[in-house]
């Protein structure tokens, strides 16, 4: 217990005029109550309570201390209660950072719906392709794709996408359809400029082939990659969330469907294991909506 706890115990004794009743209300032994009050007296160098076998009364110094600290302690308890209500009734600011592509392509509508359902939570959304130090910059959560690299953050996977190699029917008519991943060396690829896209492992049974990108076009915009693939500029490496609609409509054709790739995860990253209620609500909401989206993917 701290010095403030000594004052809390003294105030309870003064309020109830009883060591026994104070101990019962504070759920500590009577002997501890007496010892802590005595420690407070020794620290202040003044007697606070007159004790005899029949009754307990405050000295002048004790009455002054009680009258002065009682309103302050009540205010502290009220502040603590208000702070605890943030868990019961989530409110206040929630600061979120995410890549531009993820925000626009996946989370735009989801975040707007969350804001509509929880008007008491103020959202501060920061979209950037830079990897932000969320602790240093004061963010509550980061949404990022790929394997988490910061071991100081808690990582929760909220979505998983598989990679597709796909191209337009026009590209196949002009360049032919590769029958084996090794033949991709003879084709132009369209990729995102991250390592997971530049080197893609394809697996089929015990066979493994590492596809090394021979880029005709590399861009940190999935919209550009998608458009380039539709225009027949090459074979694109894209996650399901980007190319699923184009594959369904026939604008793009998938290659090597009998080969598997490692999935790419989307993660919620946050600093503390004990999540605030508003953060917990946000993660649960986003994860649920992304799960619905995944069901519509190929």
C-alpha atoms as a PDB file:
ATOM      1  CA  UNK A   1       0.000   0.000   0.000  1.00  0.00           C
ATOM      2  CA  UNK A   2       1.087   3.622  -0.626  1.00  0.00           C
ATOM      3  CA  UNK A   3       1.045   6.665   1.609  1.00  0.00           C
ATOM      4  CA  UNK A   4      -2.270   7.610   0.042  1.00  0.00           C
ATOM      5  CA  UNK A   5      -3.665   4.278   1.231  1.00  0.00           C
ATOM      6  CA  UNK A   6      -2.747   5.254   4.800  1.00  0.00           C
ATOM      7  CA  UNK A   7      -4.879   8.382   4.433  1.00  0.00           C
ATOM      8  CA  UNK A   8      -7.750   6.353   2.931  1.00  0.00           C
ATOM      9  CA  UNK A   9      -7.654   3.976   5.919  1.00  0.00           C
ATOM     10  CA  UNK A  10      -7.502   6.864   8.412  1.00  0.00           C
ATOM     11  CA  UNK A  11     -10.475   8.547   6.744  1.00  0.00           C
ATOM     12  CA  UNK A  12     -12.520   5.364   6.930  1.00  0.00           C
ATOM     13  CA  UNK A  13     -11.725   5.036  10.653  1.00  0.00           C
ATOM     14  CA  UNK A  14     -12.664   8.678  11.207  1.00  0.00           C
ATOM     15  CA  UNK A  15     -15.895   8.274   9.232  1.00  0.00           C
ATOM     16  CA  UNK A  16     -17.024   5.164  11.129  1.00  0.00           C
ATOM     17  CA  UNK A  17     -15.357   5.949  14.484  1.00  0.00           C
ATOM     18  CA  UNK A  18     -14.247   2.328  14.590  1.00  0.00           C
ATOM     19  CA  UNK A  19     -11.160   0.341  13.634  1.00  0.00           C
ATOM     20  CA  UNK A  20     -13.229  -2.817  13.404  1.00  0.00           C
ATOM     21  CA  UNK A  21     -15.872  -1.387  11.060  1.00  0.00           C
ATOM     22  CA  UNK A  22     -13.227   0.295   8.926  1.00  0.00           C
ATOM     23  CA  UNK A  23     -11.431  -3.026   8.537  1.00  0.00           C
ATOM     24  CA  UNK A  24     -14.650  -4.770   7.541  1.00  0.00           C
ATOM     25  CA  UNK A  25     -15.491  -2.168   4.884  1.00  0.00           C
ATOM     26  CA  UNK A  26     -11.953  -2.112   3.512  1.00  0.00           C
ATOM     27  CA  UNK A  27     -11.650  -5.899   3.755  1.00  0.00           C
ATOM     28  CA  UNK A  28      -8.432  -5.781   5.763  1.00  0.00           C
ATOM     29  CA  UNK A  29      -7.708  -7.003   9.328  1.00  0.00           C
ATOM     30  CA  UNK A  30      -8.324  -4.650  12.261  1.00  0.00           C
ATOM     31  CA  UNK A  31      -4.651  -4.997  13.239  1.00  0.00           C
ATOM     32  CA  UNK A  32      -3.594  -3.735   9.805  1.00  0.00           C
ATOM     33  CA  UNK A  33      -5.949  -0.764  10.121  1.00  0.00           C
ATOM     34  CA  UNK A  34      -4.434   0.165  13.490  1.00  0.00           C
ATOM     35  CA  UNK A  35      -0.871  -0.270  12.244  1.00  0.00           C
ATOM     36  CA  UNK A  36      -1.421   1.867   9.135  1.00  0.00           C
ATOM     37  CA  UNK A  37      -3.003   4.693  11.113  1.00  0.00           C
ATOM     38  CA  UNK A  38      -0.059   4.580  13.533  1.00  0.00           C
ATOM     39  CA  UNK A  39       2.363   4.708  10.577  1.00  0.00           C
ATOM     40  CA  UNK A  40       0.533   7.774   9.245  1.00  0.00           C
ATOM     41  CA  UNK A  41       0.837   9.475  12.641  1.00  0.00           C
ATOM     42  CA  UNK A  42       4.547   8.694  12.804  1.00  0.00           C
ATOM     43  CA  UNK A  43       5.116   9.977   9.289  1.00  0.00           C
ATOM     44  CA  UNK A  44       3.269  13.241  10.014  1.00  0.00           C
ATOM     45  CA  UNK A  45       4.737  13.556  13.506  1.00  0.00           C
ATOM     46  CA  UNK A  46       1.376  14.286  15.096  1.00  0.00           C
ATOM     47  CA  UNK A  47      -1.341  12.324  16.900  1.00  0.00           C
ATOM     48  CA  UNK A  48      -4.516  11.976  14.852  1.00  0.00           C
ATOM     49  CA  UNK A  49      -6.782   9.772  16.986  1.00  0.00           C
ATOM     50  CA  UNK A  50      -7.479   9.718  20.705  1.00  0.00           C
ATOM     51  CA  UNK A  51      -7.939   6.153  21.832  1.00  0.00           C
ATOM     52  CA  UNK A  52      -9.473   4.773  24.996  1.00  0.00           C
ATOM     53  CA  UNK A  53     -11.317   1.591  25.853  1.00  0.00           C
ATOM     54  CA  UNK A  54     -14.774   3.045  25.190  1.00  0.00           C
ATOM     55  CA  UNK A  55     -14.639   5.426  22.289  1.00  0.00           C
ATOM     56  CA  UNK A  56     -12.506   6.841  19.529  1.00  0.00           C
ATOM     57  CA  UNK A  57     -12.208  10.565  18.781  1.00  0.00           C
ATOM     58  CA  UNK A  58     -10.148  12.745  16.465  1.00  0.00           C
ATOM     59  CA  UNK A  59      -7.545  15.169  17.673  1.00  0.00           C
ATOM     60  CA  UNK A  60      -7.525  18.702  16.272  1.00  0.00           C
ATOM     61  CA  UNK A  61      -4.924  17.614  13.720  1.00  0.00           C
ATOM     62  CA  UNK A  62      -6.945  14.491  12.920  1.00  0.00           C
ATOM     63  CA  UNK A  63     -10.119  16.494  12.370  1.00  0.00           C
ATOM     64  CA  UNK A  64      -8.233  18.917  10.113  1.00  0.00           C
ATOM     65  CA  UNK A  65      -6.773  16.050   8.066  1.00  0.00           C
ATOM     66  CA  UNK A  66     -10.153  14.350   7.731  1.00  0.00           C
ATOM     67  CA  UNK A  67     -12.005  17.536   6.732  1.00  0.00           C
ATOM     68  CA  UNK A  68      -9.290  18.449   4.211  1.00  0.00           C
ATOM     69  CA  UNK A  69      -8.766  15.058   2.556  1.00  0.00           C
ATOM     70  CA  UNK A  70     -12.276  13.598   2.578  1.00  0.00           C
ATOM     71  CA  UNK A  71     -13.553  15.684  -0.403  1.00  0.00           C
ATOM     72  CA  UNK A  72     -10.324  14.983  -2.311  1.00  0.00           C
ATOM     73  CA  UNK A  73     -10.580  11.232  -1.762  1.00  0.00           C
ATOM     74  CA  UNK A  74     -14.205  11.292  -2.878  1.00  0.00           C
ATOM     75  CA  UNK A  75     -13.097  13.075  -6.038  1.00  0.00           C
ATOM     76  CA  UNK A  76     -10.383  10.476  -6.653  1.00  0.00           C
ATOM     77  CA  UNK A  77     -12.938   7.665  -6.287  1.00  0.00           C
ATOM     78  CA  UNK A  78     -15.253   9.458  -8.703  1.00  0.00           C
ATOM     79  CA  UNK A  79     -12.419   9.862 -11.221  1.00  0.00           C
ATOM     80  CA  UNK A  80     -11.507   6.175 -10.880  1.00  0.00           C
ATOM     81  CA  UNK A  81     -15.151   5.235 -11.432  1.00  0.00           C
ATOM     82  CA  UNK A  82     -15.294   7.418 -14.542  1.00  0.00           C
ATOM     83  CA  UNK A  83     -12.087   5.834 -15.860  1.00  0.00           C
ATOM     84  CA  UNK A  84     -13.520   2.346 -15.276  1.00  0.00           C
ATOM     85  CA  UNK A  85     -16.653   3.324 -17.207  1.00  0.00           C
ATOM     86  CA  UNK A  86     -14.532   3.500 -20.369  1.00  0.00           C
ATOM     87  CA  UNK A  87     -14.557  -0.305 -20.262  1.00  0.00           C
ATOM     88  CA  UNK A  88     -18.308  -0.529 -19.633  1.00  0.00           C
ATOM     89  CA  UNK A  89     -19.316   2.339 -21.920  1.00  0.00           C
ATOM     90  CA  UNK A  90     -16.535   2.767 -24.500  1.00  0.00           C
ATOM     91  CA  UNK A  91     -15.989   6.350 -25.559  1.00  0.00           C
ATOM     92  CA  UNK A  92     -13.249   8.774 -26.490  1.00  0.00           C
ATOM     93  CA  UNK A  93     -10.657   8.825 -29.257  1.00  0.00           C
ATOM     94  CA  UNK A  94      -9.361   5.767 -31.110  1.00  0.00           C
ATOM     95  CA  UNK A  95      -6.288   6.436 -33.263  1.00  0.00           C
ATOM     96  CA  UNK A  96      -5.754   4.004 -36.161  1.00  0.00           C
ATOM     97  CA  UNK A  97      -3.041   3.762 -38.810  1.00  0.00           C
ATOM     98  CA  UNK A  98      -3.134   1.606 -41.932  1.00  0.00           C
ATOM     99  CA  UNK A  99      -1.760   1.461 -45.491  1.00  0.00           C
ATOM    100  CA  UNK A 100      -3.650   3.568 -48.017  1.00  0.00           C
ATOM    101  CA  UNK A 101      -4.598   0.563 -50.183  1.00  0.00           C
ATOM    102  CA  UNK A 102      -6.004  -1.429 -47.262  1.00  0.00           C
ATOM    103  CA  UNK A 103      -7.968   1.549 -46.013  1.00  0.00           C
ATOM    104  CA  UNK A 104      -9.538   2.400 -49.355  1.00  0.00           C
ATOM    105  CA  UNK A 105     -10.005  -1.102 -50.767  1.00  0.00           C
ATOM    106  CA  UNK A 106     -10.998  -3.086 -47.662  1.00  0.00           C
ATOM    107  CA  UNK A 107     -11.813  -0.952 -44.652  1.00  0.00           C
ATOM    108  CA  UNK A 108     -13.369   2.246 -45.962  1.00  0.00           C
ATOM    109  CA  UNK A 109     -16.997   1.186 -45.664  1.00  0.00           C
ATOM    110  CA  UNK A 110     -16.396  -1.015 -42.612  1.00  0.00           C
ATOM    111  CA  UNK A 111     -14.899   1.847 -40.598  1.00  0.00           C
ATOM    112  CA  UNK A 112     -17.724   4.196 -41.604  1.00  0.00           C
ATOM    113  CA  UNK A 113     -20.278   1.625 -40.417  1.00  0.00           C
ATOM    114  CA  UNK A 114     -18.415   1.232 -37.120  1.00  0.00           C
ATOM    115  CA  UNK A 115     -18.430   5.009 -36.613  1.00  0.00           C
ATOM    116  CA  UNK A 116     -22.162   5.090 -37.279  1.00  0.00           C
ATOM    117  CA  UNK A 117     -22.848   2.347 -34.711  1.00  0.00           C
ATOM    118  CA  UNK A 118     -20.574   3.910 -32.060  1.00  0.00           C
ATOM    119  CA  UNK A 119     -20.985   7.711 -32.234  1.00  0.00           C
ATOM    120  CA  UNK A 120     -19.415   8.091 -28.781  1.00  0.00           C
ATOM    121  CA  UNK A 121     -16.056   6.881 -30.160  1.00  0.00           C
ATOM    122  CA  UNK A 122     -14.087   9.469 -32.138  1.00  0.00           C
ATOM    123  CA  UNK A 123     -11.963   7.873 -34.868  1.00  0.00           C
ATOM    124  CA  UNK A 124      -8.665   9.389 -36.001  1.00  0.00           C
ATOM    125  CA  UNK A 125      -7.651   7.493 -39.150  1.00  0.00           C
ATOM    126  CA  UNK A 126      -4.125   7.911 -40.518  1.00  0.00           C
ATOM    127  CA  UNK A 127      -3.529   6.257 -43.908  1.00  0.00           C
ATOM    128  CA  UNK A 128       0.093   5.927 -44.971  1.00  0.00           C
ATOM    129  CA  UNK A 129       2.295   3.346 -46.635  1.00  0.00           C
ATOM    130  CA  UNK A 130       5.068   4.171 -44.146  1.00  0.00           C
ATOM    131  CA  UNK A 131       5.514   1.766 -41.218  1.00  0.00           C
ATOM    132  CA  UNK A 132       4.574   3.952 -38.269  1.00  0.00           C
ATOM    133  CA  UNK A 133       5.922   3.440 -34.743  1.00  0.00           C
ATOM    134  CA  UNK A 134       2.493   3.295 -33.150  1.00  0.00           C
ATOM    135  CA  UNK A 135       3.797   3.562 -29.579  1.00  0.00           C
ATOM    136  CA  UNK A 136       5.962   6.595 -30.305  1.00  0.00           C
ATOM    137  CA  UNK A 137       3.297   8.258 -32.451  1.00  0.00           C
ATOM    138  CA  UNK A 138       0.478   7.543 -29.992  1.00  0.00           C
ATOM    139  CA  UNK A 139      -1.699   5.231 -32.095  1.00  0.00           C
ATOM    140  CA  UNK A 140      -3.976   2.664 -30.467  1.00  0.00           C
ATOM    141  CA  UNK A 141      -3.806   0.182 -33.353  1.00  0.00           C
ATOM    142  CA  UNK A 142      -2.204  -0.458 -36.738  1.00  0.00           C
ATOM    143  CA  UNK A 143      -3.734  -2.574 -39.520  1.00  0.00           C
ATOM    144  CA  UNK A 144      -1.015  -4.141 -41.676  1.00  0.00           C
ATOM    145  CA  UNK A 145      -0.626  -6.901 -44.230  1.00  0.00           C
ATOM    146  CA  UNK A 146       2.080  -9.560 -44.194  1.00  0.00           C
ATOM    147  CA  UNK A 147       3.945 -11.153 -41.319  1.00  0.00           C
ATOM    148  CA  UNK A 148       4.286  -8.818 -38.304  1.00  0.00           C
ATOM    149  CA  UNK A 149       7.878  -7.744 -37.704  1.00  0.00           C
ATOM    150  CA  UNK A 150       7.560  -5.730 -34.460  1.00  0.00           C
ATOM    151  CA  UNK A 151       7.852  -8.130 -31.526  1.00  0.00           C
ATOM    152  CA  UNK A 152       6.829  -5.352 -29.102  1.00  0.00           C
ATOM    153  CA  UNK A 153       3.273  -5.398 -30.466  1.00  0.00           C
ATOM    154  CA  UNK A 154       0.442  -7.869 -29.980  1.00  0.00           C
ATOM    155  CA  UNK A 155      -0.602  -9.253 -33.399  1.00  0.00           C
ATOM    156  CA  UNK A 156      -4.078 -10.618 -34.150  1.00  0.00           C
ATOM    157  CA  UNK A 157      -4.851 -11.989 -37.602  1.00  0.00           C
ATOM    158  CA  UNK A 158      -8.146 -10.527 -38.797  1.00  0.00           C
ATOM    159  CA  UNK A 159      -8.153 -11.788 -42.390  1.00  0.00           C
ATOM    160  CA  UNK A 160      -6.324 -14.190 -44.671  1.00  0.00           C
ATOM    161  CA  UNK A 161      -5.983 -14.013 -48.467  1.00  0.00           C
ATOM    162  CA  UNK A 162      -4.399 -16.372 -50.959  1.00  0.00           C
ATOM    163  CA  UNK A 163      -2.282 -15.195 -53.860  1.00  0.00           C
ATOM    164  CA  UNK A 164      -3.390 -15.529 -57.462  1.00  0.00           C
ATOM    165  CA  UNK A 165      -1.319 -15.398 -60.613  1.00  0.00           C
ATOM    166  CA  UNK A 166      -3.686 -13.995 -63.185  1.00  0.00           C
ATOM    167  CA  UNK A 167      -3.817 -12.171 -66.492  1.00  0.00           C
ATOM    168  CA  UNK A 168      -6.249 -11.065 -69.156  1.00  0.00           C
ATOM    169  CA  UNK A 169      -7.553 -13.463 -71.837  1.00  0.00           C
ATOM    170  CA  UNK A 170      -5.970 -11.120 -74.400  1.00  0.00           C
ATOM    171  CA  UNK A 171      -2.536 -11.625 -72.825  1.00  0.00           C
ATOM    172  CA  UNK A 172      -2.920 -15.408 -73.072  1.00  0.00           C
ATOM    173  CA  UNK A 173      -3.989 -15.157 -76.715  1.00  0.00           C
ATOM    174  CA  UNK A 174      -0.898 -13.113 -77.523  1.00  0.00           C
ATOM    175  CA  UNK A 175       1.736 -14.847 -75.364  1.00  0.00           C
ATOM    176  CA  UNK A 176       0.332 -18.328 -74.746  1.00  0.00           C
ATOM    177  CA  UNK A 177      -0.608 -19.973 -71.483  1.00  0.00           C
ATOM    178  CA  UNK A 178       2.328 -21.202 -69.340  1.00  0.00           C
ATOM    179  CA  UNK A 179       1.840 -24.835 -68.353  1.00  0.00           C
ATOM    180  CA  UNK A 180       4.396 -24.864 -65.519  1.00  0.00           C
ATOM    181  CA  UNK A 181       5.567 -22.149 -63.067  1.00  0.00           C
ATOM    182  CA  UNK A 182       9.124 -22.475 -64.445  1.00  0.00           C
ATOM    183  CA  UNK A 183       7.852 -20.949 -67.696  1.00  0.00           C
ATOM    184  CA  UNK A 184       7.028 -17.691 -65.891  1.00  0.00           C
ATOM    185  CA  UNK A 185      10.662 -16.695 -66.504  1.00  0.00           C
ATOM    186  CA  UNK A 186       9.622 -16.139 -70.110  1.00  0.00           C
ATOM    187  CA  UNK A 187       6.744 -13.814 -69.154  1.00  0.00           C
ATOM    188  CA  UNK A 188       6.408 -10.274 -67.884  1.00  0.00           C
ATOM    189  CA  UNK A 189       5.061  -9.990 -64.333  1.00  0.00           C
ATOM    190  CA  UNK A 190       3.094  -7.240 -62.649  1.00  0.00           C
ATOM    191  CA  UNK A 191       3.748  -7.054 -58.917  1.00  0.00           C
ATOM    192  CA  UNK A 192       3.556  -5.056 -55.715  1.00  0.00           C
ATOM    193  CA  UNK A 193       7.076  -3.893 -54.688  1.00  0.00           C
ATOM    194  CA  UNK A 194       7.249  -5.979 -51.481  1.00  0.00           C
ATOM    195  CA  UNK A 195       9.350  -9.103 -50.967  1.00  0.00           C
ATOM    196  CA  UNK A 196       6.325 -11.417 -50.556  1.00  0.00           C
ATOM    197  CA  UNK A 197       5.280 -10.456 -54.095  1.00  0.00           C
ATOM    198  CA  UNK A 198       8.743 -10.370 -55.652  1.00  0.00           C
ATOM    199  CA  UNK A 199       9.473 -13.966 -54.614  1.00  0.00           C
ATOM    200  CA  UNK A 200       6.441 -16.224 -54.540  1.00  0.00           C
ATOM    201  CA  UNK A 201       6.603 -19.903 -53.616  1.00  0.00           C
ATOM    202  CA  UNK A 202       4.275 -22.271 -55.491  1.00  0.00           C
ATOM    203  CA  UNK A 203       3.640 -25.765 -54.125  1.00  0.00           C
ATOM    204  CA  UNK A 204       2.115 -28.893 -55.624  1.00  0.00           C
ATOM    205  CA  UNK A 205       2.506 -32.110 -53.679  1.00  0.00           C
ATOM    206  CA  UNK A 206       6.222 -32.415 -53.008  1.00  0.00           C
ATOM    207  CA  UNK A 207       7.130 -29.945 -55.752  1.00  0.00           C
ATOM    208  CA  UNK A 208       8.147 -26.402 -54.886  1.00  0.00           C
ATOM    209  CA  UNK A 209       8.927 -23.620 -57.336  1.00  0.00           C
ATOM    210  CA  UNK A 210      10.138 -20.167 -56.334  1.00  0.00           C
ATOM    211  CA  UNK A 211       8.860 -17.542 -58.762  1.00  0.00           C
ATOM    212  CA  UNK A 212      11.322 -14.656 -59.075  1.00  0.00           C
ATOM    213  CA  UNK A 213       9.543 -11.612 -60.438  1.00  0.00           C
ATOM    214  CA  UNK A 214      10.676 -10.451 -63.865  1.00  0.00           C
ATOM    215  CA  UNK A 215       8.796  -7.189 -63.652  1.00  0.00           C
ATOM    216  CA  UNK A 216       7.361  -5.304 -66.524  1.00  0.00           C
ATOM    217  CA  UNK A 217       5.544  -3.135 -64.026  1.00  0.00           C
ATOM    218  CA  UNK A 218       5.862  -2.738 -60.258  1.00  0.00           C
ATOM    219  CA  UNK A 219       3.617  -0.344 -58.333  1.00  0.00           C
ATOM    220  CA  UNK A 220       2.542   0.155 -54.746  1.00  0.00           C
ATOM    221  CA  UNK A 221      -1.063   0.518 -55.880  1.00  0.00           C
ATOM    222  CA  UNK A 222      -3.279  -2.517 -56.304  1.00  0.00           C
ATOM    223  CA  UNK A 223      -5.668  -0.464 -58.433  1.00  0.00           C
ATOM    224  CA  UNK A 224      -2.859   0.161 -60.915  1.00  0.00           C
ATOM    225  CA  UNK A 225      -1.783  -3.500 -60.880  1.00  0.00           C
ATOM    226  CA  UNK A 226      -5.360  -4.614 -61.474  1.00  0.00           C
ATOM    227  CA  UNK A 227      -5.819  -2.178 -64.330  1.00  0.00           C
ATOM    228  CA  UNK A 228      -2.492  -3.171 -65.885  1.00  0.00           C
ATOM    229  CA  UNK A 229      -3.437  -6.853 -65.724  1.00  0.00           C
ATOM    230  CA  UNK A 230      -6.810  -6.157 -67.367  1.00  0.00           C
ATOM    231  CA  UNK A 231      -5.012  -4.183 -70.116  1.00  0.00           C
ATOM    232  CA  UNK A 232      -2.881  -7.231 -70.924  1.00  0.00           C
ATOM    233  CA  UNK A 233       0.455  -5.858 -69.740  1.00  0.00           C
ATOM    234  CA  UNK A 234       1.480  -9.097 -68.044  1.00  0.00           C
ATOM    235  CA  UNK A 235       0.789 -11.723 -65.388  1.00  0.00           C
ATOM    236  CA  UNK A 236      -0.131 -10.162 -62.050  1.00  0.00           C
ATOM    237  CA  UNK A 237       0.534 -11.501 -58.572  1.00  0.00           C
ATOM    238  CA  UNK A 238      -2.362 -10.272 -56.412  1.00  0.00           C
ATOM    239  CA  UNK A 239      -4.258 -11.337 -53.301  1.00  0.00           C
ATOM    240  CA  UNK A 240      -7.821 -12.605 -53.486  1.00  0.00           C
ATOM    241  CA  UNK A 241      -9.230  -9.393 -52.057  1.00  0.00           C
ATOM    242  CA  UNK A 242      -7.957  -7.462 -55.093  1.00  0.00           C
ATOM    243  CA  UNK A 243      -8.628  -9.750 -58.060  1.00  0.00           C
ATOM    244  CA  UNK A 244     -11.635 -11.855 -56.997  1.00  0.00           C
ATOM    245  CA  UNK A 245     -14.286  -9.761 -58.806  1.00  0.00           C
ATOM    246  CA  UNK A 246     -12.227  -9.570 -62.015  1.00  0.00           C
ATOM    247  CA  UNK A 247     -11.741 -13.369 -61.979  1.00  0.00           C
ATOM    248  CA  UNK A 248     -15.460 -13.955 -61.471  1.00  0.00           C
ATOM    249  CA  UNK A 249     -16.374 -11.617 -64.337  1.00  0.00           C
ATOM    250  CA  UNK A 250     -13.835 -13.195 -66.713  1.00  0.00           C
ATOM    251  CA  UNK A 251     -11.814 -10.001 -67.104  1.00  0.00           C
ATOM    252  CA  UNK A 252      -8.898 -11.954 -65.655  1.00  0.00           C
ATOM    253  CA  UNK A 253      -7.978 -15.630 -65.869  1.00  0.00           C
ATOM    254  CA  UNK A 254      -6.185 -17.447 -63.040  1.00  0.00           C
ATOM    255  CA  UNK A 255      -3.126 -19.594 -63.733  1.00  0.00           C
ATOM    256  CA  UNK A 256      -1.820 -22.704 -61.965  1.00  0.00           C
ATOM    257  CA  UNK A 257      -4.992 -23.376 -59.957  1.00  0.00           C
ATOM    258  CA  UNK A 258      -3.610 -26.797 -59.006  1.00  0.00           C
ATOM    259  CA  UNK A 259      -0.629 -25.126 -57.327  1.00  0.00           C
ATOM    260  CA  UNK A 260      -0.864 -23.602 -53.860  1.00  0.00           C
ATOM    261  CA  UNK A 261       0.732 -20.463 -52.433  1.00  0.00           C
ATOM    262  CA  UNK A 262       1.233 -19.303 -48.882  1.00  0.00           C
ATOM    263  CA  UNK A 263      -1.591 -17.121 -47.641  1.00  0.00           C
ATOM    264  CA  UNK A 264      -0.985 -13.497 -46.759  1.00  0.00           C
ATOM    265  CA  UNK A 265      -2.516 -12.305 -43.503  1.00  0.00           C
ATOM    266  CA  UNK A 266      -3.998  -8.995 -42.468  1.00  0.00           C
ATOM    267  CA  UNK A 267      -3.182  -8.186 -38.851  1.00  0.00           C
ATOM    268  CA  UNK A 268      -4.362  -5.854 -36.127  1.00  0.00           C
ATOM    269  CA  UNK A 269      -1.323  -4.710 -34.136  1.00  0.00           C
ATOM    270  CA  UNK A 270      -1.594  -2.994 -30.752  1.00  0.00           C
ATOM    271  CA  UNK A 271       0.762  -2.344 -27.826  1.00  0.00           C
ATOM    272  CA  UNK A 272      -0.986  -3.805 -24.764  1.00  0.00           C
ATOM    273  CA  UNK A 273      -2.357  -7.225 -23.913  1.00  0.00           C
ATOM    274  CA  UNK A 274      -5.129  -5.527 -21.927  1.00  0.00           C
ATOM    275  CA  UNK A 275      -7.229  -3.919 -24.646  1.00  0.00           C
ATOM    276  CA  UNK A 276      -9.517  -0.987 -23.951  1.00  0.00           C
ATOM    277  CA  UNK A 277     -13.159  -1.759 -24.597  1.00  0.00           C
ATOM    278  CA  UNK A 278     -13.291   0.601 -27.583  1.00  0.00           C
ATOM    279  CA  UNK A 279     -10.263  -1.121 -29.147  1.00  0.00           C
ATOM    280  CA  UNK A 280     -11.753  -4.543 -28.467  1.00  0.00           C
ATOM    281  CA  UNK A 281     -15.047  -3.446 -30.061  1.00  0.00           C
ATOM    282  CA  UNK A 282     -13.245  -2.112 -33.141  1.00  0.00           C
ATOM    283  CA  UNK A 283     -11.159  -5.238 -33.706  1.00  0.00           C
ATOM    284  CA  UNK A 284     -14.167  -7.533 -33.242  1.00  0.00           C
ATOM    285  CA  UNK A 285     -16.289  -5.441 -35.626  1.00  0.00           C
ATOM    286  CA  UNK A 286     -13.635  -5.271 -38.356  1.00  0.00           C
ATOM    287  CA  UNK A 287     -12.774  -8.968 -38.045  1.00  0.00           C
ATOM    288  CA  UNK A 288     -16.458  -9.933 -38.360  1.00  0.00           C
ATOM    289  CA  UNK A 289     -17.022  -7.813 -41.445  1.00  0.00           C
ATOM    290  CA  UNK A 290     -13.824  -9.011 -43.127  1.00  0.00           C
ATOM    291  CA  UNK A 291     -14.909 -12.591 -42.464  1.00  0.00           C
ATOM    292  CA  UNK A 292     -18.112 -11.864 -44.398  1.00  0.00           C
ATOM    293  CA  UNK A 293     -16.047 -10.433 -47.248  1.00  0.00           C
ATOM    294  CA  UNK A 294     -13.827 -13.509 -47.363  1.00  0.00           C
ATOM    295  CA  UNK A 295     -16.860 -15.735 -47.954  1.00  0.00           C
ATOM    296  CA  UNK A 296     -17.459 -13.906 -51.225  1.00  0.00           C
ATOM    297  CA  UNK A 297     -13.901 -14.380 -52.478  1.00  0.00           C
ATOM    298  CA  UNK A 298     -12.808 -17.214 -54.749  1.00  0.00           C
END
